[in-house]
């Protein structure tokens, strides 16, 4: 389960557009929105890529956002 509030804050702070993020993850914008809103889950590979894009550097921060 994803901490939607924290993830949205990180996305906003990054300045990246949702569609760009979705393209980098290889999914549609709708699929990304569904994952952010906890309707579907992020795959481990998507979490790794998203962490790189949003510059989430610590395991602690990743755990807080993705509640792994």
PDB file of N, CA and C in Angstrom:
ATOM      1  N   UNK A   1       0.844  -1.182   0.000  1.00  0.00           N
ATOM      2  CA  UNK A   1       0.000   0.000   0.000  1.00  0.00           C
ATOM      3  C   UNK A   1       0.888   1.244   0.000  1.00  0.00           C
ATOM      4  N   UNK A   2       0.476   2.211  -0.770  1.00  0.00           N
ATOM      5  CA  UNK A   2       1.259   3.426  -0.946  1.00  0.00           C
ATOM      6  C   UNK A   2       0.710   4.557  -0.081  1.00  0.00           C
ATOM      7  N   UNK A   3       1.614   5.342   0.486  1.00  0.00           N
ATOM      8  CA  UNK A   3       1.210   6.551   1.198  1.00  0.00           C
ATOM      9  C   UNK A   3       0.990   7.627   0.128  1.00  0.00           C
ATOM     10  N   UNK A   4      -0.246   7.766  -0.301  1.00  0.00           N
ATOM     11  CA  UNK A   4      -0.599   8.651  -1.408  1.00  0.00           C
ATOM     12  C   UNK A   4      -0.152  10.080  -1.161  1.00  0.00           C
ATOM     13  N   UNK A   5      -0.376  10.570   0.044  1.00  0.00           N
ATOM     14  CA  UNK A   5      -0.031  11.967   0.365  1.00  0.00           C
ATOM     15  C   UNK A   5       1.473  12.207   0.201  1.00  0.00           C
ATOM     16  N   UNK A   6       2.292  11.347   0.791  1.00  0.00           N
ATOM     17  CA  UNK A   6       3.748  11.517   0.695  1.00  0.00           C
ATOM     18  C   UNK A   6       4.233  11.378  -0.748  1.00  0.00           C
ATOM     19  N   UNK A   7       3.674  10.415  -1.474  1.00  0.00           N
ATOM     20  CA  UNK A   7       4.091  10.220  -2.855  1.00  0.00           C
ATOM     21  C   UNK A   7       3.728  11.421  -3.707  1.00  0.00           C
ATOM     22  N   UNK A   8       2.530  11.942  -3.551  1.00  0.00           N
ATOM     23  CA  UNK A   8       2.131  13.134  -4.318  1.00  0.00           C
ATOM     24  C   UNK A   8       3.031  14.327  -3.986  1.00  0.00           C
ATOM     25  N   UNK A   9       3.416  14.478  -2.719  1.00  0.00           N
ATOM     26  CA  UNK A   9       4.323  15.558  -2.319  1.00  0.00           C
ATOM     27  C   UNK A   9       5.673  15.414  -3.012  1.00  0.00           C
ATOM     28  N   UNK A  10       6.186  14.174  -3.055  1.00  0.00           N
ATOM     29  CA  UNK A  10       7.476  13.945  -3.727  1.00  0.00           C
ATOM     30  C   UNK A  10       7.387  14.227  -5.221  1.00  0.00           C
ATOM     31  N   UNK A  11       6.284  13.826  -5.851  1.00  0.00           N
ATOM     32  CA  UNK A  11       6.106  14.078  -7.280  1.00  0.00           C
ATOM     33  C   UNK A  11       6.042  15.576  -7.538  1.00  0.00           C
ATOM     34  N   UNK A  12       5.278  16.286  -6.728  1.00  0.00           N
ATOM     35  CA  UNK A  12       5.160  17.739  -6.904  1.00  0.00           C
ATOM     36  C   UNK A  12       6.514  18.416  -6.703  1.00  0.00           C
ATOM     37  N   UNK A  13       7.232  18.004  -5.684  1.00  0.00           N
ATOM     38  CA  UNK A  13       8.537  18.604  -5.397  1.00  0.00           C
ATOM     39  C   UNK A  13       9.545  18.323  -6.514  1.00  0.00           C
ATOM     40  N   UNK A  14       9.368  17.197  -7.204  1.00  0.00           N
ATOM     41  CA  UNK A  14      10.303  16.835  -8.271  1.00  0.00           C
ATOM     42  C   UNK A  14      10.138  17.699  -9.509  1.00  0.00           C
ATOM     43  N   UNK A  15       8.935  18.234  -9.693  1.00  0.00           N
ATOM     44  CA  UNK A  15       8.662  19.030 -10.889  1.00  0.00           C
ATOM     45  C   UNK A  15       8.361  18.185 -12.117  1.00  0.00           C
ATOM     46  N   UNK A  16       8.338  16.864 -11.954  1.00  0.00           N
ATOM     47  CA  UNK A  16       8.059  15.976 -13.079  1.00  0.00           C
ATOM     48  C   UNK A  16       6.554  15.853 -13.298  1.00  0.00           C
ATOM     49  N   UNK A  17       6.166  15.701 -14.539  1.00  0.00           N
ATOM     50  CA  UNK A  17       4.759  15.509 -14.892  1.00  0.00           C
ATOM     51  C   UNK A  17       4.405  14.030 -14.741  1.00  0.00           C
ATOM     52  N   UNK A  18       3.161  13.759 -14.380  1.00  0.00           N
ATOM     53  CA  UNK A  18       2.718  12.380 -14.209  1.00  0.00           C
ATOM     54  C   UNK A  18       2.897  11.569 -15.485  1.00  0.00           C
ATOM     55  N   UNK A  19       2.615  12.159 -16.636  1.00  0.00           N
ATOM     56  CA  UNK A  19       2.741  11.410 -17.882  1.00  0.00           C
ATOM     57  C   UNK A  19       4.196  11.033 -18.152  1.00  0.00           C
ATOM     58  N   UNK A  20       5.119  11.939 -17.829  1.00  0.00           N
ATOM     59  CA  UNK A  20       6.545  11.626 -17.995  1.00  0.00           C
ATOM     60  C   UNK A  20       6.926  10.449 -17.098  1.00  0.00           C
ATOM     61  N   UNK A  21       6.471  10.497 -15.852  1.00  0.00           N
ATOM     62  CA  UNK A  21       6.771   9.415 -14.910  1.00  0.00           C
ATOM     63  C   UNK A  21       6.196   8.102 -15.426  1.00  0.00           C
ATOM     64  N   UNK A  22       4.947   8.149 -15.880  1.00  0.00           N
ATOM     65  CA  UNK A  22       4.303   6.945 -16.411  1.00  0.00           C
ATOM     66  C   UNK A  22       5.091   6.388 -17.588  1.00  0.00           C
ATOM     67  N   UNK A  23       5.514   7.255 -18.487  1.00  0.00           N
ATOM     68  CA  UNK A  23       6.297   6.816 -19.649  1.00  0.00           C
ATOM     69  C   UNK A  23       7.590   6.142 -19.208  1.00  0.00           C
ATOM     70  N   UNK A  24       8.246   6.709 -18.211  1.00  0.00           N
ATOM     71  CA  UNK A  24       9.495   6.132 -17.711  1.00  0.00           C
ATOM     72  C   UNK A  24       9.276   4.768 -17.065  1.00  0.00           C
ATOM     73  N   UNK A  25       8.090   4.581 -16.481  1.00  0.00           N
ATOM     74  CA  UNK A  25       7.763   3.303 -15.853  1.00  0.00           C
ATOM     75  C   UNK A  25       7.219   2.298 -16.862  1.00  0.00           C
ATOM     76  N   UNK A  26       6.915   2.773 -18.070  1.00  0.00           N
ATOM     77  CA  UNK A  26       6.383   1.885 -19.094  1.00  0.00           C
ATOM     78  C   UNK A  26       4.914   1.551 -18.895  1.00  0.00           C
ATOM     79  N   UNK A  27       4.177   2.474 -18.260  1.00  0.00           N
ATOM     80  CA  UNK A  27       2.751   2.266 -18.027  1.00  0.00           C
ATOM     81  C   UNK A  27       1.989   3.504 -18.502  1.00  0.00           C
ATOM     82  N   UNK A  28       0.681   3.404 -18.559  1.00  0.00           N
ATOM     83  CA  UNK A  28      -0.132   4.542 -18.974  1.00  0.00           C
ATOM     84  C   UNK A  28      -0.300   5.524 -17.811  1.00  0.00           C
ATOM     85  N   UNK A  29      -0.700   6.721 -18.145  1.00  0.00           N
ATOM     86  CA  UNK A  29      -0.973   7.723 -17.111  1.00  0.00           C
ATOM     87  C   UNK A  29      -2.076   7.259 -16.180  1.00  0.00           C
ATOM     88  N   UNK A  30      -3.090   6.608 -16.751  1.00  0.00           N
ATOM     89  CA  UNK A  30      -4.205   6.094 -15.943  1.00  0.00           C
ATOM     90  C   UNK A  30      -3.718   5.018 -14.979  1.00  0.00           C
ATOM     91  N   UNK A  31      -2.851   4.137 -15.463  1.00  0.00           N
ATOM     92  CA  UNK A  31      -2.307   3.070 -14.601  1.00  0.00           C
ATOM     93  C   UNK A  31      -1.509   3.674 -13.451  1.00  0.00           C
ATOM     94  N   UNK A  32      -0.729   4.729 -13.736  1.00  0.00           N
ATOM     95  CA  UNK A  32       0.041   5.379 -12.675  1.00  0.00           C
ATOM     96  C   UNK A  32      -0.888   5.986 -11.640  1.00  0.00           C
ATOM     97  N   UNK A  33      -1.925   6.667 -12.089  1.00  0.00           N
ATOM     98  CA  UNK A  33      -2.882   7.265 -11.163  1.00  0.00           C
ATOM     99  C   UNK A  33      -3.534   6.196 -10.299  1.00  0.00           C
ATOM    100  N   UNK A  34      -3.886   5.083 -10.893  1.00  0.00           N
ATOM    101  CA  UNK A  34      -4.497   3.996 -10.125  1.00  0.00           C
ATOM    102  C   UNK A  34      -3.538   3.462  -9.057  1.00  0.00           C
ATOM    103  N   UNK A  35      -2.257   3.395  -9.391  1.00  0.00           N
ATOM    104  CA  UNK A  35      -1.258   2.926  -8.424  1.00  0.00           C
ATOM    105  C   UNK A  35      -1.071   3.947  -7.300  1.00  0.00           C
ATOM    106  N   UNK A  36      -1.016   5.224  -7.654  1.00  0.00           N
ATOM    107  CA  UNK A  36      -0.860   6.273  -6.643  1.00  0.00           C
ATOM    108  C   UNK A  36      -2.047   6.268  -5.682  1.00  0.00           C
ATOM    109  N   UNK A  37      -3.246   6.014  -6.208  1.00  0.00           N
ATOM    110  CA  UNK A  37      -4.464   6.029  -5.399  1.00  0.00           C
ATOM    111  C   UNK A  37      -4.778   4.682  -4.749  1.00  0.00           C
ATOM    112  N   UNK A  38      -3.832   3.754  -4.813  1.00  0.00           N
ATOM    113  CA  UNK A  38      -3.956   2.439  -4.165  1.00  0.00           C
ATOM    114  C   UNK A  38      -5.055   1.561  -4.737  1.00  0.00           C
ATOM    115  N   UNK A  39      -5.411   1.763  -5.990  1.00  0.00           N
ATOM    116  CA  UNK A  39      -6.381   0.862  -6.623  1.00  0.00           C
ATOM    117  C   UNK A  39      -5.662  -0.363  -7.172  1.00  0.00           C
ATOM    118  N   UNK A  40      -4.385  -0.194  -7.519  1.00  0.00           N
ATOM    119  CA  UNK A  40      -3.516  -1.312  -7.893  1.00  0.00           C
ATOM    120  C   UNK A  40      -2.170  -1.062  -7.225  1.00  0.00           C
ATOM    121  N   UNK A  41      -1.328  -2.097  -7.166  1.00  0.00           N
ATOM    122  CA  UNK A  41      -0.047  -1.983  -6.469  1.00  0.00           C
ATOM    123  C   UNK A  41       1.100  -1.722  -7.441  1.00  0.00           C
ATOM    124  N   UNK A  42       2.108  -1.013  -6.943  1.00  0.00           N
ATOM    125  CA  UNK A  42       3.346  -0.849  -7.697  1.00  0.00           C
ATOM    126  C   UNK A  42       4.114  -2.161  -7.675  1.00  0.00           C
ATOM    127  N   UNK A  43       4.700  -2.526  -8.800  1.00  0.00           N
ATOM    128  CA  UNK A  43       5.605  -3.672  -8.856  1.00  0.00           C
ATOM    129  C   UNK A  43       6.934  -3.244  -8.239  1.00  0.00           C
ATOM    130  N   UNK A  44       7.696  -4.180  -7.700  1.00  0.00           N
ATOM    131  CA  UNK A  44       9.003  -3.824  -7.127  1.00  0.00           C
ATOM    132  C   UNK A  44       9.893  -3.067  -8.119  1.00  0.00           C
ATOM    133  N   UNK A  45       9.891  -3.464  -9.379  1.00  0.00           N
ATOM    134  CA  UNK A  45      10.719  -2.778 -10.378  1.00  0.00           C
ATOM    135  C   UNK A  45      10.249  -1.340 -10.594  1.00  0.00           C
ATOM    136  N   UNK A  46       8.941  -1.105 -10.480  1.00  0.00           N
ATOM    137  CA  UNK A  46       8.409   0.254 -10.623  1.00  0.00           C
ATOM    138  C   UNK A  46       8.800   1.117  -9.434  1.00  0.00           C
ATOM    139  N   UNK A  47       8.823   0.514  -8.255  1.00  0.00           N
ATOM    140  CA  UNK A  47       9.233   1.249  -7.051  1.00  0.00           C
ATOM    141  C   UNK A  47      10.695   1.678  -7.182  1.00  0.00           C
ATOM    142  N   UNK A  48      11.539   0.790  -7.680  1.00  0.00           N
ATOM    143  CA  UNK A  48      12.960   1.116  -7.854  1.00  0.00           C
ATOM    144  C   UNK A  48      13.110   2.277  -8.845  1.00  0.00           C
ATOM    145  N   UNK A  49      12.449   2.188  -9.991  1.00  0.00           N
ATOM    146  CA  UNK A  49      12.553   3.228 -11.015  1.00  0.00           C
ATOM    147  C   UNK A  49      11.972   4.542 -10.513  1.00  0.00           C
ATOM    148  N   UNK A  50      10.822   4.484  -9.849  1.00  0.00           N
ATOM    149  CA  UNK A  50      10.193   5.687  -9.325  1.00  0.00           C
ATOM    150  C   UNK A  50      11.071   6.337  -8.256  1.00  0.00           C
ATOM    151  N   UNK A  51      11.712   5.525  -7.451  1.00  0.00           N
ATOM    152  CA  UNK A  51      12.634   6.052  -6.431  1.00  0.00           C
ATOM    153  C   UNK A  51      13.786   6.806  -7.085  1.00  0.00           C
ATOM    154  N   UNK A  52      14.281   6.279  -8.197  1.00  0.00           N
ATOM    155  CA  UNK A  52      15.351   6.964  -8.927  1.00  0.00           C
ATOM    156  C   UNK A  52      14.845   8.282  -9.497  1.00  0.00           C
ATOM    157  N   UNK A  53      13.679   8.264 -10.125  1.00  0.00           N
ATOM    158  CA  UNK A  53      13.122   9.473 -10.741  1.00  0.00           C
ATOM    159  C   UNK A  53      12.860  10.569  -9.716  1.00  0.00           C
ATOM    160  N   UNK A  54      12.364  10.174  -8.545  1.00  0.00           N
ATOM    161  CA  UNK A  54      11.998  11.150  -7.513  1.00  0.00           C
ATOM    162  C   UNK A  54      13.135  11.419  -6.532  1.00  0.00           C
ATOM    163  N   UNK A  55      14.271  10.784  -6.797  1.00  0.00           N
ATOM    164  CA  UNK A  55      15.462  10.951  -5.943  1.00  0.00           C
ATOM    165  C   UNK A  55      15.199  10.593  -4.487  1.00  0.00           C
ATOM    166  N   UNK A  56      14.527   9.475  -4.321  1.00  0.00           N
ATOM    167  CA  UNK A  56      14.305   8.913  -2.991  1.00  0.00           C
ATOM    168  C   UNK A  56      15.528   8.054  -2.706  1.00  0.00           C
ATOM    169  N   UNK A  57      16.346   8.508  -1.790  1.00  0.00           N
ATOM    170  CA  UNK A  57      17.654   7.887  -1.616  1.00  0.00           C
ATOM    171  C   UNK A  57      17.748   6.900  -0.466  1.00  0.00           C
ATOM    172  N   UNK A  58      16.936   7.083   0.558  1.00  0.00           N
ATOM    173  CA  UNK A  58      17.073   6.201   1.711  1.00  0.00           C
ATOM    174  C   UNK A  58      15.988   5.135   1.730  1.00  0.00           C
ATOM    175  N   UNK A  59      16.340   4.001   2.272  1.00  0.00           N
ATOM    176  CA  UNK A  59      15.376   2.911   2.416  1.00  0.00           C
ATOM    177  C   UNK A  59      14.241   3.329   3.348  1.00  0.00           C
ATOM    178  N   UNK A  60      14.578   4.139   4.329  1.00  0.00           N
ATOM    179  CA  UNK A  60      13.572   4.610   5.283  1.00  0.00           C
ATOM    180  C   UNK A  60      12.499   5.439   4.574  1.00  0.00           C
ATOM    181  N   UNK A  61      12.939   6.366   3.730  1.00  0.00           N
ATOM    182  CA  UNK A  61      11.995   7.206   3.005  1.00  0.00           C
ATOM    183  C   UNK A  61      11.163   6.351   2.031  1.00  0.00           C
ATOM    184  N   UNK A  62      11.801   5.421   1.360  1.00  0.00           N
ATOM    185  CA  UNK A  62      11.091   4.529   0.431  1.00  0.00           C
ATOM    186  C   UNK A  62      10.031   3.731   1.185  1.00  0.00           C
ATOM    187  N   UNK A  63      10.397   3.252   2.370  1.00  0.00           N
ATOM    188  CA  UNK A  63       9.457   2.483   3.186  1.00  0.00           C
ATOM    189  C   UNK A  63       8.289   3.346   3.635  1.00  0.00           C
ATOM    190  N   UNK A  64       8.543   4.603   3.997  1.00  0.00           N
ATOM    191  CA  UNK A  64       7.471   5.494   4.419  1.00  0.00           C
ATOM    192  C   UNK A  64       6.480   5.736   3.287  1.00  0.00           C
ATOM    193  N   UNK A  65       6.970   5.854   2.081  1.00  0.00           N
ATOM    194  CA  UNK A  65       6.092   6.138   0.939  1.00  0.00           C
ATOM    195  C   UNK A  65       5.390   4.884   0.452  1.00  0.00           C
ATOM    196  N   UNK A  66       6.137   3.816   0.269  1.00  0.00           N
ATOM    197  CA  UNK A  66       5.563   2.612  -0.329  1.00  0.00           C
ATOM    198  C   UNK A  66       5.136   1.577   0.709  1.00  0.00           C
ATOM    199  N   UNK A  67       5.346   1.860   1.986  1.00  0.00           N
ATOM    200  CA  UNK A  67       4.914   0.995   3.074  1.00  0.00           C
ATOM    201  C   UNK A  67       5.257  -0.468   2.803  1.00  0.00           C
ATOM    202  N   UNK A  68       6.529  -0.666   2.455  1.00  0.00           N
ATOM    203  CA  UNK A  68       6.997  -2.006   2.115  1.00  0.00           C
ATOM    204  C   UNK A  68       7.244  -2.796   3.389  1.00  0.00           C
TER     205      UNK A  68
END
